[in-house]
All heavy atoms as atom14 arrays in JSON, in Angstrom:
{
  "sequence": "GHVADPALPDGMAHGYLGIPLTAAFRHAQQHHRGTDAVCTSDPSN",
  "atom14_mask": [
    [1, 1, 1, 1, 0, 0, 0, 0, 0, 0, 0, 0, 0, 0],
    [1, 1, 1, 1, 1, 1, 1, 1, 1, 1, 0, 0, 0, 0],
    [1, 1, 1, 1, 1, 1, 1, 0, 0, 0, 0, 0, 0, 0],
    [1, 1, 1, 1, 1, 0, 0, 0, 0, 0, 0, 0, 0, 0],
    [1, 1, 1, 1, 1, 1, 1, 1, 0, 0, 0, 0, 0, 0],
    [1, 1, 1, 1, 1, 1, 1, 0, 0, 0, 0, 0, 0, 0],
    [1, 1, 1, 1, 1, 0, 0, 0, 0, 0, 0, 0, 0, 0],
    [1, 1, 1, 1, 1, 1, 1, 1, 0, 0, 0, 0, 0, 0],
    [1, 1, 1, 1, 1, 1, 1, 0, 0, 0, 0, 0, 0, 0],
    [1, 1, 1, 1, 1, 1, 1, 1, 0, 0, 0, 0, 0, 0],
    [1, 1, 1, 1, 0, 0, 0, 0, 0, 0, 0, 0, 0, 0],
    [1, 1, 1, 1, 1, 1, 1, 1, 0, 0, 0, 0, 0, 0],
    [1, 1, 1, 1, 1, 0, 0, 0, 0, 0, 0, 0, 0, 0],
    [1, 1, 1, 1, 1, 1, 1, 1, 1, 1, 0, 0, 0, 0],
    [1, 1, 1, 1, 0, 0, 0, 0, 0, 0, 0, 0, 0, 0],
    [1, 1, 1, 1, 1, 1, 1, 1, 1, 1, 1, 1, 0, 0],
    [1, 1, 1, 1, 1, 1, 1, 1, 0, 0, 0, 0, 0, 0],
    [1, 1, 1, 1, 0, 0, 0, 0, 0, 0, 0, 0, 0, 0],
    [1, 1, 1, 1, 1, 1, 1, 1, 0, 0, 0, 0, 0, 0],
    [1, 1, 1, 1, 1, 1, 1, 0, 0, 0, 0, 0, 0, 0],
    [1, 1, 1, 1, 1, 1, 1, 1, 0, 0, 0, 0, 0, 0],
    [1, 1, 1, 1, 1, 1, 1, 0, 0, 0, 0, 0, 0, 0],
    [1, 1, 1, 1, 1, 0, 0, 0, 0, 0, 0, 0, 0, 0],
    [1, 1, 1, 1, 1, 0, 0, 0, 0, 0, 0, 0, 0, 0],
    [1, 1, 1, 1, 1, 1, 1, 1, 1, 1, 1, 0, 0, 0],
    [1, 1, 1, 1, 1, 1, 1, 1, 1, 1, 1, 0, 0, 0],
    [1, 1, 1, 1, 1, 1, 1, 1, 1, 1, 0, 0, 0, 0],
    [1, 1, 1, 1, 1, 0, 0, 0, 0, 0, 0, 0, 0, 0],
    [1, 1, 1, 1, 1, 1, 1, 1, 1, 0, 0, 0, 0, 0],
    [1, 1, 1, 1, 1, 1, 1, 1, 1, 0, 0, 0, 0, 0],
    [1, 1, 1, 1, 1, 1, 1, 1, 1, 1, 0, 0, 0, 0],
    [1, 1, 1, 1, 1, 1, 1, 1, 1, 1, 0, 0, 0, 0],
    [1, 1, 1, 1, 1, 1, 1, 1, 1, 1, 1, 0, 0, 0],
    [1, 1, 1, 1, 0, 0, 0, 0, 0, 0, 0, 0, 0, 0],
    [1, 1, 1, 1, 1, 1, 1, 0, 0, 0, 0, 0, 0, 0],
    [1, 1, 1, 1, 1, 1, 1, 1, 0, 0, 0, 0, 0, 0],
    [1, 1, 1, 1, 1, 0, 0, 0, 0, 0, 0, 0, 0, 0],
    [1, 1, 1, 1, 1, 1, 1, 0, 0, 0, 0, 0, 0, 0],
    [1, 1, 1, 1, 1, 1, 0, 0, 0, 0, 0, 0, 0, 0],
    [1, 1, 1, 1, 1, 1, 1, 0, 0, 0, 0, 0, 0, 0],
    [1, 1, 1, 1, 1, 1, 0, 0, 0, 0, 0, 0, 0, 0],
    [1, 1, 1, 1, 1, 1, 1, 1, 0, 0, 0, 0, 0, 0],
    [1, 1, 1, 1, 1, 1, 1, 0, 0, 0, 0, 0, 0, 0],
    [1, 1, 1, 1, 1, 1, 0, 0, 0, 0, 0, 0, 0, 0],
    [1, 1, 1, 1, 1, 1, 1, 1, 0, 0, 0, 0, 0, 0]
  ],
  "atom14_positions": [
    [[-2.4, 10.15, -12.06], [-3.51, 9.65, -11.27], [-4.01, 8.28, -11.67], [-5.07, 7.85, -11.24], [0.0, 0.0, 0.0], [0.0, 0.0, 0.0], [0.0, 0.0, 0.0], [0.0, 0.0, 0.0], [0.0, 0.0, 0.0], [0.0, 0.0, 0.0], [0.0, 0.0, 0.0], [0.0, 0.0, 0.0], [0.0, 0.0, 0.0], [0.0, 0.0, 0.0]],
    [[-3.25, 7.56, -12.51], [-3.64, 6.22, -12.94], [-3.1, 5.18, -11.97], [-1.99, 5.33, -11.43], [-3.12, 5.92, -14.34], [-3.61, 6.88, -15.37], [-4.93, 6.95, -15.77], [-2.95, 7.83, -16.08], [-5.06, 7.9, -16.67], [-3.87, 8.44, -16.88], [0.0, 0.0, 0.0], [0.0, 0.0, 0.0], [0.0, 0.0, 0.0], [0.0, 0.0, 0.0]],
    [[-3.84, 4.11, -11.78], [-3.38, 3.01, -10.94], [-2.17, 2.36, -11.57], [-2.14, 2.08, -12.78], [-4.51, 1.96, -10.75], [-3.95, 0.68, -10.13], [-5.61, 2.53, -9.88], [0.0, 0.0, 0.0], [0.0, 0.0, 0.0], [0.0, 0.0, 0.0], [0.0, 0.0, 0.0], [0.0, 0.0, 0.0], [0.0, 0.0, 0.0], [0.0, 0.0, 0.0]],
    [[-1.16, 2.11, -10.75], [0.02, 1.33, -11.14], [0.15, 0.26, -10.05], [0.6, 0.55, -8.94], [1.26, 2.2, -11.22], [0.0, 0.0, 0.0], [0.0, 0.0, 0.0], [0.0, 0.0, 0.0], [0.0, 0.0, 0.0], [0.0, 0.0, 0.0], [0.0, 0.0, 0.0], [0.0, 0.0, 0.0], [0.0, 0.0, 0.0], [0.0, 0.0, 0.0]],
    [[-0.29, -0.95, -10.36], [-0.31, -2.02, -9.36], [0.89, -2.94, -9.57], [0.91, -3.72, -10.51], [-1.61, -2.81, -9.47], [-1.79, -3.8, -8.34], [-0.78, -4.23, -7.74], [-2.94, -4.16, -8.06], [0.0, 0.0, 0.0], [0.0, 0.0, 0.0], [0.0, 0.0, 0.0], [0.0, 0.0, 0.0], [0.0, 0.0, 0.0], [0.0, 0.0, 0.0]],
    [[1.88, -2.86, -8.69], [3.09, -3.67, -8.87], [2.94, -5.12, -8.42], [3.9, -5.88, -8.49], [4.11, -2.94, -8.0], [3.31, -2.33, -6.92], [2.0, -1.95, -7.55], [0.0, 0.0, 0.0], [0.0, 0.0, 0.0], [0.0, 0.0, 0.0], [0.0, 0.0, 0.0], [0.0, 0.0, 0.0], [0.0, 0.0, 0.0], [0.0, 0.0, 0.0]],
    [[1.74, -5.52, -7.99], [1.58, -6.88, -7.47], [0.55, -7.72, -8.2], [0.68, -8.94, -8.23], [1.23, -6.83, -5.98], [0.0, 0.0, 0.0], [0.0, 0.0, 0.0], [0.0, 0.0, 0.0], [0.0, 0.0, 0.0], [0.0, 0.0, 0.0], [0.0, 0.0, 0.0], [0.0, 0.0, 0.0], [0.0, 0.0, 0.0], [0.0, 0.0, 0.0]],
    [[-0.48, -7.13, -8.77], [-1.5, -7.92, -9.47], [-1.32, -7.82, -10.97], [-1.23, -6.72, -11.52], [-2.9, -7.42, -9.12], [-3.46, -7.8, -7.77], [-4.85, -7.21, -7.58], [-3.52, -9.31, -7.61], [0.0, 0.0, 0.0], [0.0, 0.0, 0.0], [0.0, 0.0, 0.0], [0.0, 0.0, 0.0], [0.0, 0.0, 0.0], [0.0, 0.0, 0.0]],
    [[-1.29, -8.96, -11.65], [-1.2, -8.92, -13.11], [-2.38, -8.18, -13.73], [-3.5, -8.2, -13.19], [-1.22, -10.4, -13.51], [-0.74, -11.13, -12.28], [-1.25, -10.32, -11.12], [0.0, 0.0, 0.0], [0.0, 0.0, 0.0], [0.0, 0.0, 0.0], [0.0, 0.0, 0.0], [0.0, 0.0, 0.0], [0.0, 0.0, 0.0], [0.0, 0.0, 0.0]],
    [[-2.13, -7.52, -14.84], [-3.18, -6.77, -15.54], [-4.4, -7.65, -15.79], [-4.28, -8.83, -16.1], [-2.66, -6.25, -16.88], [-1.64, -5.14, -16.72], [-1.49, -4.63, -15.59], [-1.01, -4.77, -17.72], [0.0, 0.0, 0.0], [0.0, 0.0, 0.0], [0.0, 0.0, 0.0], [0.0, 0.0, 0.0], [0.0, 0.0, 0.0], [0.0, 0.0, 0.0]],
    [[-5.58, -7.05, -15.64], [-6.83, -7.74, -15.92], [-7.43, -8.47, -14.73], [-8.58, -8.88, -14.79], [0.0, 0.0, 0.0], [0.0, 0.0, 0.0], [0.0, 0.0, 0.0], [0.0, 0.0, 0.0], [0.0, 0.0, 0.0], [0.0, 0.0, 0.0], [0.0, 0.0, 0.0], [0.0, 0.0, 0.0], [0.0, 0.0, 0.0], [0.0, 0.0, 0.0]],
    [[-6.69, -8.64, -13.65], [-7.24, -9.34, -12.48], [-8.14, -8.43, -11.65], [-9.21, -8.84, -11.22], [-6.12, -9.89, -11.6], [-5.42, -11.09, -12.18], [-4.35, -11.89, -10.99], [-5.54, -12.7, -9.92], [0.0, 0.0, 0.0], [0.0, 0.0, 0.0], [0.0, 0.0, 0.0], [0.0, 0.0, 0.0], [0.0, 0.0, 0.0], [0.0, 0.0, 0.0]],
    [[-7.72, -7.21, -11.41], [-8.48, -6.29, -10.56], [-9.61, -5.65, -11.35], [-9.44, -5.26, -12.51], [-7.57, -5.21, -10.0], [0.0, 0.0, 0.0], [0.0, 0.0, 0.0], [0.0, 0.0, 0.0], [0.0, 0.0, 0.0], [0.0, 0.0, 0.0], [0.0, 0.0, 0.0], [0.0, 0.0, 0.0], [0.0, 0.0, 0.0], [0.0, 0.0, 0.0]],
    [[-10.77, -5.55, -10.71], [-11.91, -4.88, -11.32], [-12.14, -3.5, -10.74], [-12.94, -2.74, -11.24], [-13.17, -5.73, -11.16], [-13.18, -6.91, -12.06], [-14.32, -7.38, -12.66], [-12.19, -7.73, -12.5], [-14.04, -8.42, -13.41], [-12.75, -8.66, -13.32], [0.0, 0.0, 0.0], [0.0, 0.0, 0.0], [0.0, 0.0, 0.0], [0.0, 0.0, 0.0]],
    [[-11.42, -3.17, -9.66], [-11.53, -1.87, -9.05], [-10.72, -1.78, -7.77], [-10.38, -2.81, -7.17], [0.0, 0.0, 0.0], [0.0, 0.0, 0.0], [0.0, 0.0, 0.0], [0.0, 0.0, 0.0], [0.0, 0.0, 0.0], [0.0, 0.0, 0.0], [0.0, 0.0, 0.0], [0.0, 0.0, 0.0], [0.0, 0.0, 0.0], [0.0, 0.0, 0.0]],
    [[-10.4, -0.56, -7.38], [-9.6, -0.29, -6.19], [-10.31, 0.76, -5.36], [-10.84, 1.73, -5.9], [-8.23, 0.27, -6.6], [-7.38, -0.67, -7.42], [-7.55, -0.8, -8.79], [-6.37, -1.41, -6.81], [-6.75, -1.65, -9.53], [-5.57, -2.26, -7.55], [-5.76, -2.38, -8.91], [-4.97, -3.22, -9.63], [0.0, 0.0, 0.0], [0.0, 0.0, 0.0]],
    [[-10.3, 0.59, -4.05], [-10.85, 1.58, -3.14], [-9.81, 1.8, -2.05], [-9.51, 0.88, -1.28], [-12.17, 1.11, -2.52], [-12.85, 2.07, -1.56], [-13.22, 3.38, -2.26], [-14.08, 1.43, -0.95], [0.0, 0.0, 0.0], [0.0, 0.0, 0.0], [0.0, 0.0, 0.0], [0.0, 0.0, 0.0], [0.0, 0.0, 0.0], [0.0, 0.0, 0.0]],
    [[-9.22, 2.99, -2.02], [-8.14, 3.2, -1.06], [-7.86, 4.64, -0.74], [-8.47, 5.56, -1.3], [0.0, 0.0, 0.0], [0.0, 0.0, 0.0], [0.0, 0.0, 0.0], [0.0, 0.0, 0.0], [0.0, 0.0, 0.0], [0.0, 0.0, 0.0], [0.0, 0.0, 0.0], [0.0, 0.0, 0.0], [0.0, 0.0, 0.0], [0.0, 0.0, 0.0]],
    [[-6.9, 4.81, 0.16], [-6.49, 6.11, 0.65], [-5.06, 6.39, 0.19], [-4.13, 5.67, 0.58], [-6.54, 6.15, 2.19], [-7.93, 5.78, 2.7], [-6.1, 7.52, 2.71], [-7.98, 5.53, 4.2], [0.0, 0.0, 0.0], [0.0, 0.0, 0.0], [0.0, 0.0, 0.0], [0.0, 0.0, 0.0], [0.0, 0.0, 0.0], [0.0, 0.0, 0.0]],
    [[-4.85, 7.44, -0.62], [-3.48, 7.83, -0.95], [-2.8, 8.4, 0.3], [-3.44, 9.09, 1.09], [-3.64, 8.89, -2.03], [-5.07, 9.28, -2.02], [-5.85, 8.29, -1.23], [0.0, 0.0, 0.0], [0.0, 0.0, 0.0], [0.0, 0.0, 0.0], [0.0, 0.0, 0.0], [0.0, 0.0, 0.0], [0.0, 0.0, 0.0], [0.0, 0.0, 0.0]],
    [[-1.53, 8.08, 0.47], [-0.79, 8.53, 1.65], [0.46, 9.28, 1.24], [1.12, 8.94, 0.24], [-0.41, 7.32, 2.51], [-1.59, 6.5, 3.03], [-1.11, 5.2, 3.65], [-2.42, 7.31, 4.02], [0.0, 0.0, 0.0], [0.0, 0.0, 0.0], [0.0, 0.0, 0.0], [0.0, 0.0, 0.0], [0.0, 0.0, 0.0], [0.0, 0.0, 0.0]],
    [[0.82, 10.3, 2.01], [2.04, 11.05, 1.72], [3.25, 10.17, 2.02], [3.21, 9.28, 2.87], [2.14, 12.33, 2.57], [2.21, 11.98, 3.95], [0.97, 13.28, 2.31], [0.0, 0.0, 0.0], [0.0, 0.0, 0.0], [0.0, 0.0, 0.0], [0.0, 0.0, 0.0], [0.0, 0.0, 0.0], [0.0, 0.0, 0.0], [0.0, 0.0, 0.0]],
    [[4.33, 10.46, 1.33], [5.57, 9.69, 1.54], [6.08, 9.85, 2.97], [6.51, 8.87, 3.59], [6.62, 10.11, 0.53], [0.0, 0.0, 0.0], [0.0, 0.0, 0.0], [0.0, 0.0, 0.0], [0.0, 0.0, 0.0], [0.0, 0.0, 0.0], [0.0, 0.0, 0.0], [0.0, 0.0, 0.0], [0.0, 0.0, 0.0], [0.0, 0.0, 0.0]],
    [[6.02, 11.05, 3.51], [6.52, 11.28, 4.87], [5.73, 10.48, 5.89], [6.3, 9.85, 6.79], [6.48, 12.77, 5.2], [0.0, 0.0, 0.0], [0.0, 0.0, 0.0], [0.0, 0.0, 0.0], [0.0, 0.0, 0.0], [0.0, 0.0, 0.0], [0.0, 0.0, 0.0], [0.0, 0.0, 0.0], [0.0, 0.0, 0.0], [0.0, 0.0, 0.0]],
    [[4.4, 10.49, 5.78], [3.57, 9.73, 6.71], [3.81, 8.24, 6.54], [3.96, 7.5, 7.52], [2.09, 10.07, 6.48], [1.17, 9.29, 7.36], [1.06, 9.59, 8.71], [0.4, 8.26, 6.84], [0.21, 8.86, 9.54], [-0.45, 7.54, 7.66], [-0.55, 7.84, 9.01], [0.0, 0.0, 0.0], [0.0, 0.0, 0.0], [0.0, 0.0, 0.0]],
    [[3.87, 7.77, 5.29], [4.11, 6.35, 5.02], [5.44, 5.91, 5.62], [5.5, 4.9, 6.34], [4.11, 6.09, 3.51], [4.52, 4.67, 3.14], [4.39, 4.42, 1.65], [5.06, 5.38, 0.82], [6.33, 5.26, 0.41], [7.07, 4.23, 0.77], [6.86, 6.18, -0.38], [0.0, 0.0, 0.0], [0.0, 0.0, 0.0], [0.0, 0.0, 0.0]],
    [[6.5, 6.65, 5.37], [7.81, 6.27, 5.9], [7.82, 6.23, 7.43], [8.36, 5.31, 8.03], [8.9, 7.24, 5.41], [9.21, 7.09, 3.96], [9.41, 8.17, 3.14], [9.35, 5.99, 3.18], [9.66, 7.74, 1.92], [9.62, 6.43, 1.92], [0.0, 0.0, 0.0], [0.0, 0.0, 0.0], [0.0, 0.0, 0.0], [0.0, 0.0, 0.0]],
    [[7.22, 7.23, 8.06], [7.19, 7.27, 9.53], [6.43, 6.08, 10.1], [6.88, 5.45, 11.07], [6.57, 8.59, 10.01], [0.0, 0.0, 0.0], [0.0, 0.0, 0.0], [0.0, 0.0, 0.0], [0.0, 0.0, 0.0], [0.0, 0.0, 0.0], [0.0, 0.0, 0.0], [0.0, 0.0, 0.0], [0.0, 0.0, 0.0], [0.0, 0.0, 0.0]],
    [[5.29, 5.75, 9.51], [4.5, 4.63, 10.01], [5.2, 3.3, 9.76], [5.18, 2.41, 10.61], [3.1, 4.63, 9.36], [2.21, 5.73, 9.85], [1.91, 5.6, 11.34], [1.49, 4.56, 11.82], [2.17, 6.66, 12.08], [0.0, 0.0, 0.0], [0.0, 0.0, 0.0], [0.0, 0.0, 0.0], [0.0, 0.0, 0.0], [0.0, 0.0, 0.0]],
    [[5.8, 3.14, 8.59], [6.51, 1.9, 8.3], [7.67, 1.7, 9.27], [7.9, 0.59, 9.76], [7.0, 1.89, 6.85], [5.86, 1.73, 5.87], [6.27, 1.97, 4.43], [7.17, 2.78, 4.15], [5.62, 1.3, 3.51], [0.0, 0.0, 0.0], [0.0, 0.0, 0.0], [0.0, 0.0, 0.0], [0.0, 0.0, 0.0], [0.0, 0.0, 0.0]],
    [[8.39, 2.76, 9.56], [9.5, 2.67, 10.5], [8.98, 2.35, 11.91], [9.51, 1.47, 12.59], [10.29, 3.98, 10.51], [11.41, 3.99, 11.49], [12.58, 3.29, 11.29], [11.52, 4.6, 12.7], [13.36, 3.46, 12.34], [12.75, 4.25, 13.21], [0.0, 0.0, 0.0], [0.0, 0.0, 0.0], [0.0, 0.0, 0.0], [0.0, 0.0, 0.0]],
    [[7.96, 3.05, 12.33], [7.38, 2.85, 13.66], [6.82, 1.44, 13.84], [7.02, 0.81, 14.88], [6.27, 3.89, 13.87], [5.5, 3.72, 15.14], [6.02, 3.97, 16.38], [4.22, 3.31, 15.34], [5.1, 3.72, 17.31], [4.0, 3.32, 16.69], [0.0, 0.0, 0.0], [0.0, 0.0, 0.0], [0.0, 0.0, 0.0], [0.0, 0.0, 0.0]],
    [[6.16, 0.92, 12.81], [5.51, -0.39, 12.89], [6.43, -1.55, 12.53], [6.14, -2.69, 12.84], [4.29, -0.41, 11.98], [3.26, 0.63, 12.37], [2.02, 0.52, 11.52], [1.4, -0.75, 11.84], [0.76, -1.51, 10.98], [0.64, -1.15, 9.74], [0.23, -2.66, 11.36], [0.0, 0.0, 0.0], [0.0, 0.0, 0.0], [0.0, 0.0, 0.0]],
    [[7.52, -1.28, 11.82], [8.42, -2.35, 11.4], [7.83, -3.24, 10.32], [8.1, -4.43, 10.26], [0.0, 0.0, 0.0], [0.0, 0.0, 0.0], [0.0, 0.0, 0.0], [0.0, 0.0, 0.0], [0.0, 0.0, 0.0], [0.0, 0.0, 0.0], [0.0, 0.0, 0.0], [0.0, 0.0, 0.0], [0.0, 0.0, 0.0], [0.0, 0.0, 0.0]],
    [[7.02, -2.65, 9.46], [6.36, -3.39, 8.38], [6.11, -2.46, 7.2], [6.14, -1.25, 7.35], [5.04, -4.01, 8.89], [4.5, -4.85, 7.88], [4.04, -2.96, 9.29], [0.0, 0.0, 0.0], [0.0, 0.0, 0.0], [0.0, 0.0, 0.0], [0.0, 0.0, 0.0], [0.0, 0.0, 0.0], [0.0, 0.0, 0.0], [0.0, 0.0, 0.0]],
    [[5.88, -3.04, 6.03], [5.63, -2.22, 4.84], [4.2, -1.68, 4.8], [3.96, -0.65, 4.17], [5.9, -3.04, 3.57], [7.38, -3.33, 3.4], [8.18, -2.39, 3.46], [7.74, -4.51, 3.21], [0.0, 0.0, 0.0], [0.0, 0.0, 0.0], [0.0, 0.0, 0.0], [0.0, 0.0, 0.0], [0.0, 0.0, 0.0], [0.0, 0.0, 0.0]],
    [[3.26, -2.35, 5.43], [1.87, -1.88, 5.45], [1.75, -0.71, 6.42], [2.37, -0.7, 7.47], [0.93, -3.0, 5.85], [0.0, 0.0, 0.0], [0.0, 0.0, 0.0], [0.0, 0.0, 0.0], [0.0, 0.0, 0.0], [0.0, 0.0, 0.0], [0.0, 0.0, 0.0], [0.0, 0.0, 0.0], [0.0, 0.0, 0.0], [0.0, 0.0, 0.0]],
    [[0.93, 0.26, 6.06], [0.76, 1.45, 6.89], [-0.47, 1.35, 7.77], [-0.4, 1.57, 8.97], [0.68, 2.72, 6.0], [0.37, 3.95, 6.82], [1.97, 2.89, 5.22], [0.0, 0.0, 0.0], [0.0, 0.0, 0.0], [0.0, 0.0, 0.0], [0.0, 0.0, 0.0], [0.0, 0.0, 0.0], [0.0, 0.0, 0.0], [0.0, 0.0, 0.0]],
    [[-1.6, 1.03, 7.18], [-2.87, 1.02, 7.93], [-3.33, -0.38, 8.31], [-4.04, -0.55, 9.29], [-3.96, 1.67, 7.09], [-3.64, 3.4, 6.69], [0.0, 0.0, 0.0], [0.0, 0.0, 0.0], [0.0, 0.0, 0.0], [0.0, 0.0, 0.0], [0.0, 0.0, 0.0], [0.0, 0.0, 0.0], [0.0, 0.0, 0.0], [0.0, 0.0, 0.0]],
    [[-2.97, -1.36, 7.54], [-3.49, -2.71, 7.74], [-2.38, -3.68, 8.13], [-1.23, -3.29, 8.25], [-4.21, -3.18, 6.45], [-4.88, -4.4, 6.72], [-3.24, -3.36, 5.3], [0.0, 0.0, 0.0], [0.0, 0.0, 0.0], [0.0, 0.0, 0.0], [0.0, 0.0, 0.0], [0.0, 0.0, 0.0], [0.0, 0.0, 0.0], [0.0, 0.0, 0.0]],
    [[-2.75, -4.92, 8.31], [-1.73, -5.93, 8.61], [-1.01, -6.31, 7.32], [-1.55, -6.16, 6.23], [-2.37, -7.16, 9.26], [-3.4, -7.67, 8.46], [0.0, 0.0, 0.0], [0.0, 0.0, 0.0], [0.0, 0.0, 0.0], [0.0, 0.0, 0.0], [0.0, 0.0, 0.0], [0.0, 0.0, 0.0], [0.0, 0.0, 0.0], [0.0, 0.0, 0.0]],
    [[0.19, -6.79, 7.46], [1.04, -7.17, 6.32], [1.33, -8.65, 6.44], [1.9, -9.08, 7.45], [2.32, -6.35, 6.38], [3.26, -6.59, 5.21], [3.08, -7.59, 4.48], [4.19, -5.79, 5.04], [0.0, 0.0, 0.0], [0.0, 0.0, 0.0], [0.0, 0.0, 0.0], [0.0, 0.0, 0.0], [0.0, 0.0, 0.0], [0.0, 0.0, 0.0]],
    [[0.96, -9.46, 5.45], [1.22, -10.9, 5.55], [2.7, -11.25, 5.77], [3.01, -12.28, 6.34], [0.73, -11.45, 4.21], [-0.22, -10.44, 3.69], [0.24, -9.11, 4.23], [0.0, 0.0, 0.0], [0.0, 0.0, 0.0], [0.0, 0.0, 0.0], [0.0, 0.0, 0.0], [0.0, 0.0, 0.0], [0.0, 0.0, 0.0], [0.0, 0.0, 0.0]],
    [[3.6, -10.36, 5.35], [5.02, -10.65, 5.55], [5.46, -10.38, 7.0], [6.55, -10.77, 7.38], [5.88, -9.83, 4.58], [5.82, -8.46, 4.9], [0.0, 0.0, 0.0], [0.0, 0.0, 0.0], [0.0, 0.0, 0.0], [0.0, 0.0, 0.0], [0.0, 0.0, 0.0], [0.0, 0.0, 0.0], [0.0, 0.0, 0.0], [0.0, 0.0, 0.0]],
    [[4.61, -9.7, 7.79], [4.91, -9.45, 9.2], [3.59, -9.49, 9.98], [3.09, -8.45, 10.41], [5.6, -8.09, 9.38], [5.98, -7.83, 10.83], [5.74, -8.64, 11.71], [6.56, -6.67, 11.07], [0.0, 0.0, 0.0], [0.0, 0.0, 0.0], [0.0, 0.0, 0.0], [0.0, 0.0, 0.0], [0.0, 0.0, 0.0], [0.0, 0.0, 0.0]]
  ]
}
């Protein structure tokens, strides 16, 4: 249950507020939307 942030270097973030998502739901939404983001916009798309 610990945060593992693969994008922000340690010490930058002061807190996280988010929704954990199941792998099945995430995969379906990513496929449907054609982007890595599930709920929000993705700067790469």
